[in-house]
Amino acid sequence: MEFIDGIPAYIFETAGFIVGLGANVVIAIQVYKEYKSTQPSSLSLGYVVGWGLIFLFWFLYGVRFDALAITVSNALAFIIQSILLWVISRKKPAGENKDILQ
């Protein structure tokens, strides 16, 4: 732990912002792909809601312990995850996309 203790806190805070931003870009890509796809979503409601709750917890953790990188990155992740939930909830389930004439 001496190695980690020797690293200044601002380095971890900066790295936290960078990693958090990267994670948010990955979620945003998923939102974009789901939005553009006409196919039913392969993401389960439990998966999307579960990750939303995880992001909400870590946001609250960041607020509680005054960790700016955790707070900001998880607030943004929670918002993007909520948008993903909205996008997939507007899609018809796989069984409902069948043409009536088939």
PDB file of N, CA and C in Angstrom:
ATOM      1  N   MET A   1       0.810  -1.194   0.000  1.00  0.00           N
ATOM      2  CA  MET A   1       0.000   0.000   0.000  1.00  0.00           C
ATOM      3  C   MET A   1       0.858   1.265   0.000  1.00  0.00           C
ATOM      4  N   GLU A   2       2.125   1.155   0.307  1.00  0.00           N
ATOM      5  CA  GLU A   2       2.979   2.334   0.336  1.00  0.00           C
ATOM      6  C   GLU A   2       3.031   3.015  -1.033  1.00  0.00           C
ATOM      7  N   PHE A   3       3.062   2.195  -2.082  1.00  0.00           N
ATOM      8  CA  PHE A   3       3.092   2.751  -3.429  1.00  0.00           C
ATOM      9  C   PHE A   3       1.856   3.614  -3.687  1.00  0.00           C
ATOM     10  N   ILE A   4       0.696   3.084  -3.341  1.00  0.00           N
ATOM     11  CA  ILE A   4      -0.560   3.815  -3.555  1.00  0.00           C
ATOM     12  C   ILE A   4      -0.631   5.039  -2.656  1.00  0.00           C
ATOM     13  N   ASP A   5      -0.207   4.908  -1.418  1.00  0.00           N
ATOM     14  CA  ASP A   5      -0.231   6.044  -0.498  1.00  0.00           C
ATOM     15  C   ASP A   5       0.661   7.186  -0.967  1.00  0.00           C
ATOM     16  N   GLY A   6       1.689   6.872  -1.750  1.00  0.00           N
ATOM     17  CA  GLY A   6       2.603   7.898  -2.241  1.00  0.00           C
ATOM     18  C   GLY A   6       2.068   8.687  -3.428  1.00  0.00           C
ATOM     19  N   ILE A   7       0.969   8.238  -4.011  1.00  0.00           N
ATOM     20  CA  ILE A   7       0.379   8.933  -5.161  1.00  0.00           C
ATOM     21  C   ILE A   7      -0.538  10.041  -4.637  1.00  0.00           C
ATOM     22  N   PRO A   8      -0.354  11.278  -5.091  1.00  0.00           N
ATOM     23  CA  PRO A   8      -1.192  12.386  -4.619  1.00  0.00           C
ATOM     24  C   PRO A   8      -2.676  12.177  -4.944  1.00  0.00           C
ATOM     25  N   ALA A   9      -3.537  12.671  -4.089  1.00  0.00           N
ATOM     26  CA  ALA A   9      -4.983  12.507  -4.254  1.00  0.00           C
ATOM     27  C   ALA A   9      -5.471  13.112  -5.568  1.00  0.00           C
ATOM     28  N   TYR A  10      -4.882  14.225  -6.001  1.00  0.00           N
ATOM     29  CA  TYR A  10      -5.360  14.858  -7.228  1.00  0.00           C
ATOM     30  C   TYR A  10      -5.133  13.965  -8.455  1.00  0.00           C
ATOM     31  N   ILE A  11      -4.119  13.099  -8.390  1.00  0.00           N
ATOM     32  CA  ILE A  11      -3.887  12.151  -9.487  1.00  0.00           C
ATOM     33  C   ILE A  11      -5.046  11.153  -9.558  1.00  0.00           C
ATOM     34  N   PHE A  12      -5.462  10.645  -8.407  1.00  0.00           N
ATOM     35  CA  PHE A  12      -6.600   9.720  -8.387  1.00  0.00           C
ATOM     36  C   PHE A  12      -7.886  10.426  -8.819  1.00  0.00           C
ATOM     37  N   GLU A  13      -8.067  11.660  -8.404  1.00  0.00           N
ATOM     38  CA  GLU A  13      -9.270  12.411  -8.770  1.00  0.00           C
ATOM     39  C   GLU A  13      -9.304  12.627 -10.284  1.00  0.00           C
ATOM     40  N   THR A  14      -8.176  12.998 -10.857  1.00  0.00           N
ATOM     41  CA  THR A  14      -8.098  13.195 -12.305  1.00  0.00           C
ATOM     42  C   THR A  14      -8.342  11.879 -13.039  1.00  0.00           C
ATOM     43  N   ALA A  15      -7.694  10.824 -12.577  1.00  0.00           N
ATOM     44  CA  ALA A  15      -7.892   9.507 -13.188  1.00  0.00           C
ATOM     45  C   ALA A  15      -9.352   9.074 -13.054  1.00  0.00           C
ATOM     46  N   GLY A  16      -9.974   9.372 -11.927  1.00  0.00           N
ATOM     47  CA  GLY A  16     -11.382   9.038 -11.723  1.00  0.00           C
ATOM     48  C   GLY A  16     -12.286   9.722 -12.731  1.00  0.00           C
ATOM     49  N   PHE A  17     -12.000  10.988 -13.013  1.00  0.00           N
ATOM     50  CA  PHE A  17     -12.781  11.699 -14.030  1.00  0.00           C
ATOM     51  C   PHE A  17     -12.591  11.075 -15.410  1.00  0.00           C
ATOM     52  N   ILE A  18     -11.361  10.723 -15.736  1.00  0.00           N
ATOM     53  CA  ILE A  18     -11.073  10.153 -17.053  1.00  0.00           C
ATOM     54  C   ILE A  18     -11.747   8.789 -17.212  1.00  0.00           C
ATOM     55  N   VAL A  19     -11.586   7.930 -16.217  1.00  0.00           N
ATOM     56  CA  VAL A  19     -12.196   6.597 -16.271  1.00  0.00           C
ATOM     57  C   VAL A  19     -13.718   6.711 -16.249  1.00  0.00           C
ATOM     58  N   GLY A  20     -14.250   7.600 -15.419  1.00  0.00           N
ATOM     59  CA  GLY A  20     -15.697   7.802 -15.360  1.00  0.00           C
ATOM     60  C   GLY A  20     -16.253   8.304 -16.678  1.00  0.00           C
ATOM     61  N   LEU A  21     -15.536   9.209 -17.320  1.00  0.00           N
ATOM     62  CA  LEU A  21     -15.967   9.707 -18.615  1.00  0.00           C
ATOM     63  C   LEU A  21     -15.957   8.578 -19.646  1.00  0.00           C
ATOM     64  N   GLY A  22     -14.917   7.755 -19.608  1.00  0.00           N
ATOM     65  CA  GLY A  22     -14.846   6.611 -20.526  1.00  0.00           C
ATOM     66  C   GLY A  22     -16.013   5.663 -20.340  1.00  0.00           C
ATOM     67  N   ALA A  23     -16.365   5.382 -19.106  1.00  0.00           N
ATOM     68  CA  ALA A  23     -17.508   4.501 -18.825  1.00  0.00           C
ATOM     69  C   ALA A  23     -18.806   5.112 -19.357  1.00  0.00           C
ATOM     70  N   ASN A  24     -18.937   6.418 -19.217  1.00  0.00           N
ATOM     71  CA  ASN A  24     -20.143   7.089 -19.707  1.00  0.00           C
ATOM     72  C   ASN A  24     -20.216   7.081 -21.224  1.00  0.00           C
ATOM     73  N   VAL A  25     -19.077   7.162 -21.883  1.00  0.00           N
ATOM     74  CA  VAL A  25     -19.062   7.073 -23.341  1.00  0.00           C
ATOM     75  C   VAL A  25     -19.557   5.694 -23.784  1.00  0.00           C
ATOM     76  N   VAL A  26     -19.129   4.650 -23.070  1.00  0.00           N
ATOM     77  CA  VAL A  26     -19.560   3.290 -23.403  1.00  0.00           C
ATOM     78  C   VAL A  26     -21.077   3.155 -23.246  1.00  0.00           C
ATOM     79  N   ILE A  27     -21.632   3.698 -22.182  1.00  0.00           N
ATOM     80  CA  ILE A  27     -23.086   3.631 -21.981  1.00  0.00           C
ATOM     81  C   ILE A  27     -23.804   4.444 -23.063  1.00  0.00           C
ATOM     82  N   ALA A  28     -23.266   5.602 -23.394  1.00  0.00           N
ATOM     83  CA  ALA A  28     -23.872   6.448 -24.427  1.00  0.00           C
ATOM     84  C   ALA A  28     -23.869   5.745 -25.784  1.00  0.00           C
ATOM     85  N   ILE A  29     -22.827   4.991 -26.081  1.00  0.00           N
ATOM     86  CA  ILE A  29     -22.786   4.226 -27.331  1.00  0.00           C
ATOM     87  C   ILE A  29     -23.916   3.206 -27.349  1.00  0.00           C
ATOM     88  N   GLN A  30     -24.151   2.559 -26.224  1.00  0.00           N
ATOM     89  CA  GLN A  30     -25.242   1.577 -26.141  1.00  0.00           C
ATOM     90  C   GLN A  30     -26.595   2.260 -26.347  1.00  0.00           C
ATOM     91  N   VAL A  31     -26.771   3.439 -25.738  1.00  0.00           N
ATOM     92  CA  VAL A  31     -28.023   4.183 -25.929  1.00  0.00           C
ATOM     93  C   VAL A  31     -28.217   4.502 -27.415  1.00  0.00           C
ATOM     94  N   TYR A  32     -27.167   4.976 -28.061  1.00  0.00           N
ATOM     95  CA  TYR A  32     -27.251   5.322 -29.481  1.00  0.00           C
ATOM     96  C   TYR A  32     -27.611   4.102 -30.324  1.00  0.00           C
ATOM     97  N   LYS A  33     -26.951   2.979 -30.079  1.00  0.00           N
ATOM     98  CA  LYS A  33     -27.216   1.758 -30.847  1.00  0.00           C
ATOM     99  C   LYS A  33     -28.648   1.273 -30.622  1.00  0.00           C
ATOM    100  N   GLU A  34     -29.114   1.321 -29.378  1.00  0.00           N
ATOM    101  CA  GLU A  34     -30.497   0.910 -29.098  1.00  0.00           C
ATOM    102  C   GLU A  34     -31.494   1.857 -29.761  1.00  0.00           C
ATOM    103  N   TYR A  35     -31.196   3.128 -29.743  1.00  0.00           N
ATOM    104  CA  TYR A  35     -32.099   4.126 -30.332  1.00  0.00           C
ATOM    105  C   TYR A  35     -32.200   3.936 -31.842  1.00  0.00           C
ATOM    106  N   LYS A  36     -31.074   3.671 -32.488  1.00  0.00           N
ATOM    107  CA  LYS A  36     -31.053   3.522 -33.942  1.00  0.00           C
ATOM    108  C   LYS A  36     -31.600   2.181 -34.414  1.00  0.00           C
ATOM    109  N   SER A  37     -31.533   1.160 -33.586  1.00  0.00           N
ATOM    110  CA  SER A  37     -31.964  -0.179 -33.980  1.00  0.00           C
ATOM    111  C   SER A  37     -33.487  -0.278 -34.028  1.00  0.00           C
ATOM    112  N   THR A  38     -33.972  -0.930 -35.071  1.00  0.00           N
ATOM    113  CA  THR A  38     -35.414  -1.188 -35.168  1.00  0.00           C
ATOM    114  C   THR A  38     -35.779  -2.536 -34.560  1.00  0.00           C
ATOM    115  N   GLN A  39     -34.770  -3.303 -34.182  1.00  0.00           N
ATOM    116  CA  GLN A  39     -34.977  -4.619 -33.584  1.00  0.00           C
ATOM    117  C   GLN A  39     -35.357  -4.465 -32.104  1.00  0.00           C
ATOM    118  N   PRO A  40     -36.033  -5.473 -31.562  1.00  0.00           N
ATOM    119  CA  PRO A  40     -36.298  -5.452 -30.117  1.00  0.00           C
ATOM    120  C   PRO A  40     -34.975  -5.446 -29.349  1.00  0.00           C
ATOM    121  N   SER A  41     -34.971  -4.842 -28.202  1.00  0.00           N
ATOM    122  CA  SER A  41     -33.753  -4.784 -27.399  1.00  0.00           C
ATOM    123  C   SER A  41     -33.420  -6.161 -26.841  1.00  0.00           C
ATOM    124  N   SER A  42     -32.134  -6.446 -26.776  1.00  0.00           N
ATOM    125  CA  SER A  42     -31.704  -7.699 -26.151  1.00  0.00           C
ATOM    126  C   SER A  42     -31.363  -7.476 -24.678  1.00  0.00           C
ATOM    127  N   LEU A  43     -31.487  -6.242 -24.215  1.00  0.00           N
ATOM    128  CA  LEU A  43     -31.194  -5.919 -22.819  1.00  0.00           C
ATOM    129  C   LEU A  43     -32.426  -6.177 -21.960  1.00  0.00           C
ATOM    130  N   SER A  44     -32.234  -6.862 -20.852  1.00  0.00           N
ATOM    131  CA  SER A  44     -33.371  -7.117 -19.971  1.00  0.00           C
ATOM    132  C   SER A  44     -33.627  -5.892 -19.095  1.00  0.00           C
ATOM    133  N   LEU A  45     -34.861  -5.764 -18.679  1.00  0.00           N
ATOM    134  CA  LEU A  45     -35.249  -4.665 -17.800  1.00  0.00           C
ATOM    135  C   LEU A  45     -34.469  -4.735 -16.491  1.00  0.00           C
ATOM    136  N   GLY A  46     -34.301  -5.936 -15.948  1.00  0.00           N
ATOM    137  CA  GLY A  46     -33.550  -6.101 -14.705  1.00  0.00           C
ATOM    138  C   GLY A  46     -32.112  -5.642 -14.823  1.00  0.00           C
ATOM    139  N   TYR A  47     -31.491  -5.924 -15.957  1.00  0.00           N
ATOM    140  CA  TYR A  47     -30.105  -5.523 -16.197  1.00  0.00           C
ATOM    141  C   TYR A  47     -29.981  -4.002 -16.214  1.00  0.00           C
ATOM    142  N   VAL A  48     -30.850  -3.356 -16.964  1.00  0.00           N
ATOM    143  CA  VAL A  48     -30.778  -1.898 -17.105  1.00  0.00           C
ATOM    144  C   VAL A  48     -31.133  -1.205 -15.791  1.00  0.00           C
ATOM    145  N   VAL A  49     -32.178  -1.658 -15.122  1.00  0.00           N
ATOM    146  CA  VAL A  49     -32.563  -1.062 -13.840  1.00  0.00           C
ATOM    147  C   VAL A  49     -31.493  -1.341 -12.788  1.00  0.00           C
ATOM    148  N   GLY A  50     -30.963  -2.553 -12.786  1.00  0.00           N
ATOM    149  CA  GLY A  50     -29.922  -2.907 -11.823  1.00  0.00           C
ATOM    150  C   GLY A  50     -28.716  -2.001 -11.931  1.00  0.00           C
ATOM    151  N   TRP A  51     -28.239  -1.776 -13.151  1.00  0.00           N
ATOM    152  CA  TRP A  51     -27.097  -0.869 -13.329  1.00  0.00           C
ATOM    153  C   TRP A  51     -27.465   0.563 -12.941  1.00  0.00           C
ATOM    154  N   GLY A  52     -28.697   0.960 -13.213  1.00  0.00           N
ATOM    155  CA  GLY A  52     -29.146   2.292 -12.796  1.00  0.00           C
ATOM    156  C   GLY A  52     -29.070   2.457 -11.284  1.00  0.00           C
ATOM    157  N   LEU A  53     -29.490   1.427 -10.557  1.00  0.00           N
ATOM    158  CA  LEU A  53     -29.426   1.477  -9.092  1.00  0.00           C
ATOM    159  C   LEU A  53     -27.984   1.484  -8.592  1.00  0.00           C
ATOM    160  N   ILE A  54     -27.118   0.755  -9.278  1.00  0.00           N
ATOM    161  CA  ILE A  54     -25.697   0.767  -8.908  1.00  0.00           C
ATOM    162  C   ILE A  54     -25.119   2.166  -9.097  1.00  0.00           C
ATOM    163  N   PHE A  55     -25.415   2.789 -10.239  1.00  0.00           N
ATOM    164  CA  PHE A  55     -24.916   4.143 -10.478  1.00  0.00           C
ATOM    165  C   PHE A  55     -25.490   5.126  -9.460  1.00  0.00           C
ATOM    166  N   LEU A  56     -26.748   4.970  -9.087  1.00  0.00           N
ATOM    167  CA  LEU A  56     -27.359   5.843  -8.082  1.00  0.00           C
ATOM    168  C   LEU A  56     -26.661   5.681  -6.737  1.00  0.00           C
ATOM    169  N   PHE A  57     -26.380   4.433  -6.351  1.00  0.00           N
ATOM    170  CA  PHE A  57     -25.682   4.200  -5.089  1.00  0.00           C
ATOM    171  C   PHE A  57     -24.322   4.887  -5.077  1.00  0.00           C
ATOM    172  N   TRP A  58     -23.534   4.694  -6.146  1.00  0.00           N
ATOM    173  CA  TRP A  58     -22.188   5.273  -6.174  1.00  0.00           C
ATOM    174  C   TRP A  58     -22.228   6.791  -6.262  1.00  0.00           C
ATOM    175  N   PHE A  59     -23.271   7.342  -6.881  1.00  0.00           N
ATOM    176  CA  PHE A  59     -23.460   8.793  -6.855  1.00  0.00           C
ATOM    177  C   PHE A  59     -23.656   9.268  -5.415  1.00  0.00           C
ATOM    178  N   LEU A  60     -24.551   8.595  -4.695  1.00  0.00           N
ATOM    179  CA  LEU A  60     -24.806   8.967  -3.301  1.00  0.00           C
ATOM    180  C   LEU A  60     -23.568   8.757  -2.431  1.00  0.00           C
ATOM    181  N   TYR A  61     -22.808   7.707  -2.711  1.00  0.00           N
ATOM    182  CA  TYR A  61     -21.556   7.457  -2.008  1.00  0.00           C
ATOM    183  C   TYR A  61     -20.594   8.623  -2.232  1.00  0.00           C
ATOM    184  N   GLY A  62     -20.477   9.058  -3.470  1.00  0.00           N
ATOM    185  CA  GLY A  62     -19.602  10.180  -3.790  1.00  0.00           C
ATOM    186  C   GLY A  62     -20.029  11.455  -3.093  1.00  0.00           C
ATOM    187  N   VAL A  63     -21.344  11.683  -3.026  1.00  0.00           N
ATOM    188  CA  VAL A  63     -21.857  12.864  -2.314  1.00  0.00           C
ATOM    189  C   VAL A  63     -21.521  12.753  -0.832  1.00  0.00           C
ATOM    190  N   ARG A  64     -21.773  11.586  -0.252  1.00  0.00           N
ATOM    191  CA  ARG A  64     -21.553  11.380   1.181  1.00  0.00           C
ATOM    192  C   ARG A  64     -20.093  11.582   1.578  1.00  0.00           C
ATOM    193  N   PHE A  65     -19.174  11.092   0.749  1.00  0.00           N
ATOM    194  CA  PHE A  65     -17.760  11.156   1.094  1.00  0.00           C
ATOM    195  C   PHE A  65     -17.013  12.246   0.327  1.00  0.00           C
ATOM    196  N   ASP A  66     -17.772  13.142  -0.287  1.00  0.00           N
ATOM    197  CA  ASP A  66     -17.210  14.305  -0.957  1.00  0.00           C
ATOM    198  C   ASP A  66     -16.137  13.908  -1.979  1.00  0.00           C
ATOM    199  N   ALA A  67     -16.458  12.894  -2.777  1.00  0.00           N
ATOM    200  CA  ALA A  67     -15.547  12.425  -3.824  1.00  0.00           C
ATOM    201  C   ALA A  67     -16.095  12.917  -5.163  1.00  0.00           C
ATOM    202  N   LEU A  68     -15.550  14.018  -5.635  1.00  0.00           N
ATOM    203  CA  LEU A  68     -16.104  14.700  -6.799  1.00  0.00           C
ATOM    204  C   LEU A  68     -16.134  13.816  -8.053  1.00  0.00           C
ATOM    205  N   ALA A  69     -15.061  13.099  -8.330  1.00  0.00           N
ATOM    206  CA  ALA A  69     -15.023  12.260  -9.534  1.00  0.00           C
ATOM    207  C   ALA A  69     -16.090  11.175  -9.479  1.00  0.00           C
ATOM    208  N   ILE A  70     -16.269  10.560  -8.332  1.00  0.00           N
ATOM    209  CA  ILE A  70     -17.295   9.516  -8.178  1.00  0.00           C
ATOM    210  C   ILE A  70     -18.686  10.127  -8.313  1.00  0.00           C
ATOM    211  N   THR A  71     -18.886  11.277  -7.700  1.00  0.00           N
ATOM    212  CA  THR A  71     -20.192  11.938  -7.748  1.00  0.00           C
ATOM    213  C   THR A  71     -20.569  12.312  -9.176  1.00  0.00           C
ATOM    214  N   VAL A  72     -19.684  12.993  -9.859  1.00  0.00           N
ATOM    215  CA  VAL A  72     -19.990  13.487 -11.207  1.00  0.00           C
ATOM    216  C   VAL A  72     -20.143  12.341 -12.200  1.00  0.00           C
ATOM    217  N   SER A  73     -19.210  11.409 -12.207  1.00  0.00           N
ATOM    218  CA  SER A  73     -19.272  10.340 -13.198  1.00  0.00           C
ATOM    219  C   SER A  73     -20.490   9.443 -12.994  1.00  0.00           C
ATOM    220  N   ASN A  74     -20.862   9.193 -11.754  1.00  0.00           N
ATOM    221  CA  ASN A  74     -22.023   8.332 -11.508  1.00  0.00           C
ATOM    222  C   ASN A  74     -23.343   9.068 -11.670  1.00  0.00           C
ATOM    223  N   ALA A  75     -23.368  10.376 -11.435  1.00  0.00           N
ATOM    224  CA  ALA A  75     -24.572  11.150 -11.732  1.00  0.00           C
ATOM    225  C   ALA A  75     -24.840  11.113 -13.234  1.00  0.00           C
ATOM    226  N   LEU A  76     -23.785  11.327 -14.011  1.00  0.00           N
ATOM    227  CA  LEU A  76     -23.918  11.276 -15.461  1.00  0.00           C
ATOM    228  C   LEU A  76     -24.299   9.868 -15.918  1.00  0.00           C
ATOM    229  N   ALA A  77     -23.680   8.848 -15.343  1.00  0.00           N
ATOM    230  CA  ALA A  77     -24.001   7.468 -15.705  1.00  0.00           C
ATOM    231  C   ALA A  77     -25.458   7.141 -15.379  1.00  0.00           C
ATOM    232  N   PHE A  78     -25.946   7.614 -14.242  1.00  0.00           N
ATOM    233  CA  PHE A  78     -27.340   7.366 -13.869  1.00  0.00           C
ATOM    234  C   PHE A  78     -28.291   8.027 -14.873  1.00  0.00           C
ATOM    235  N   ILE A  79     -27.957   9.238 -15.303  1.00  0.00           N
ATOM    236  CA  ILE A  79     -28.799   9.941 -16.279  1.00  0.00           C
ATOM    237  C   ILE A  79     -28.796   9.193 -17.613  1.00  0.00           C
ATOM    238  N   ILE A  80     -27.626   8.806 -18.071  1.00  0.00           N
ATOM    239  CA  ILE A  80     -27.531   8.092 -19.353  1.00  0.00           C
ATOM    240  C   ILE A  80     -28.229   6.735 -19.255  1.00  0.00           C
ATOM    241  N   GLN A  81     -28.077   6.052 -18.139  1.00  0.00           N
ATOM    242  CA  GLN A  81     -28.733   4.759 -17.939  1.00  0.00           C
ATOM    243  C   GLN A  81     -30.248   4.938 -17.920  1.00  0.00           C
ATOM    244  N   SER A  82     -30.730   6.033 -17.357  1.00  0.00           N
ATOM    245  CA  SER A  82     -32.170   6.317 -17.356  1.00  0.00           C
ATOM    246  C   SER A  82     -32.670   6.547 -18.780  1.00  0.00           C
ATOM    247  N   ILE A  83     -31.859   7.208 -19.592  1.00  0.00           N
ATOM    248  CA  ILE A  83     -32.219   7.393 -20.998  1.00  0.00           C
ATOM    249  C   ILE A  83     -32.262   6.042 -21.701  1.00  0.00           C
ATOM    250  N   LEU A  84     -31.290   5.178 -21.408  1.00  0.00           N
ATOM    251  CA  LEU A  84     -31.291   3.826 -21.986  1.00  0.00           C
ATOM    252  C   LEU A  84     -32.559   3.078 -21.590  1.00  0.00           C
ATOM    253  N   LEU A  85     -32.954   3.177 -20.346  1.00  0.00           N
ATOM    254  CA  LEU A  85     -34.185   2.537 -19.880  1.00  0.00           C
ATOM    255  C   LEU A  85     -35.383   3.057 -20.667  1.00  0.00           C
ATOM    256  N   TRP A  86     -35.440   4.351 -20.878  1.00  0.00           N
ATOM    257  CA  TRP A  86     -36.531   4.951 -21.634  1.00  0.00           C
ATOM    258  C   TRP A  86     -36.537   4.443 -23.071  1.00  0.00           C
ATOM    259  N   VAL A  87     -35.355   4.379 -23.699  1.00  0.00           N
ATOM    260  CA  VAL A  87     -35.258   3.927 -25.093  1.00  0.00           C
ATOM    261  C   VAL A  87     -35.734   2.480 -25.224  1.00  0.00           C
ATOM    262  N   ILE A  88     -35.248   1.588 -24.356  1.00  0.00           N
ATOM    263  CA  ILE A  88     -35.644   0.185 -24.509  1.00  0.00           C
ATOM    264  C   ILE A  88     -37.093  -0.051 -24.090  1.00  0.00           C
ATOM    265  N   SER A  89     -37.618   0.784 -23.201  1.00  0.00           N
ATOM    266  CA  SER A  89     -39.015   0.602 -22.780  1.00  0.00           C
ATOM    267  C   SER A  89     -39.992   1.015 -23.880  1.00  0.00           C
ATOM    268  N   ARG A  90     -39.544   1.811 -24.818  1.00  0.00           N
ATOM    269  CA  ARG A  90     -40.405   2.248 -25.923  1.00  0.00           C
ATOM    270  C   ARG A  90     -40.423   1.242 -27.074  1.00  0.00           C
ATOM    271  N   LYS A  91     -39.542   0.255 -27.016  1.00  0.00           N
ATOM    272  CA  LYS A  91     -39.504  -0.766 -28.059  1.00  0.00           C
ATOM    273  C   LYS A  91     -40.507  -1.872 -27.739  1.00  0.00           C
ATOM    274  N   LYS A  92     -41.027  -2.485 -28.784  1.00  0.00           N
ATOM    275  CA  LYS A  92     -41.945  -3.600 -28.588  1.00  0.00           C
ATOM    276  C   LYS A  92     -41.149  -4.836 -28.197  1.00  0.00           C
ATOM    277  N   PRO A  93     -41.693  -5.671 -27.327  1.00  0.00           N
ATOM    278  CA  PRO A  93     -41.036  -6.946 -27.012  1.00  0.00           C
ATOM    279  C   PRO A  93     -40.907  -7.800 -28.272  1.00  0.00           C
ATOM    280  N   ALA A  94     -39.989  -8.741 -28.268  1.00  0.00           N
ATOM    281  CA  ALA A  94     -39.674  -9.562 -29.450  1.00  0.00           C
ATOM    282  C   ALA A  94     -40.915 -10.207 -30.054  1.00  0.00           C
ATOM    283  N   GLY A  95     -41.840 -10.682 -29.275  1.00  0.00           N
ATOM    284  CA  GLY A  95     -43.037 -11.364 -29.789  1.00  0.00           C
ATOM    285  C   GLY A  95     -44.032 -10.450 -30.444  1.00  0.00           C
ATOM    286  N   GLU A  96     -43.957  -9.161 -30.222  1.00  0.00           N
ATOM    287  CA  GLU A  96     -44.960  -8.223 -30.748  1.00  0.00           C
ATOM    288  C   GLU A  96     -44.561  -7.641 -32.097  1.00  0.00           C
ATOM    289  N   ASN A  97     -43.402  -7.962 -32.639  1.00  0.00           N
ATOM    290  CA  ASN A  97     -42.966  -7.390 -33.908  1.00  0.00           C
ATOM    291  C   ASN A  97     -43.394  -8.222 -35.108  1.00  0.00           C
ATOM    292  N   LYS A  98     -44.178  -9.249 -34.895  1.00  0.00           N
ATOM    293  CA  LYS A  98     -44.603 -10.107 -35.996  1.00  0.00           C
ATOM    294  C   LYS A  98     -45.672  -9.400 -36.835  1.00  0.00           C
ATOM    295  N   ASP A  99     -45.542  -9.558 -38.121  1.00  0.00           N
ATOM    296  CA  ASP A  99     -46.514  -8.980 -39.045  1.00  0.00           C
ATOM    297  C   ASP A  99     -47.821  -9.747 -38.928  1.00  0.00           C
ATOM    298  N   ILE A 100     -48.933  -9.048 -38.962  1.00  0.00           N
ATOM    299  CA  ILE A 100     -50.247  -9.672 -38.834  1.00  0.00           C
ATOM    300  C   ILE A 100     -50.520 -10.639 -39.998  1.00  0.00           C
ATOM    301  N   LEU A 101     -49.984 -10.346 -41.184  1.00  0.00           N
ATOM    302  CA  LEU A 101     -50.242 -11.161 -42.359  1.00  0.00           C
ATOM    303  C   LEU A 101     -49.446 -12.455 -42.386  1.00  0.00           C
ATOM    304  N   GLN A 102     -48.517 -12.637 -41.499  1.00  0.00           N
ATOM    305  CA  GLN A 102     -47.692 -13.860 -41.517  1.00  0.00           C
ATOM    306  C   GLN A 102     -48.432 -15.026 -40.914  1.00  0.00           C
TER     307      GLN A 102
END
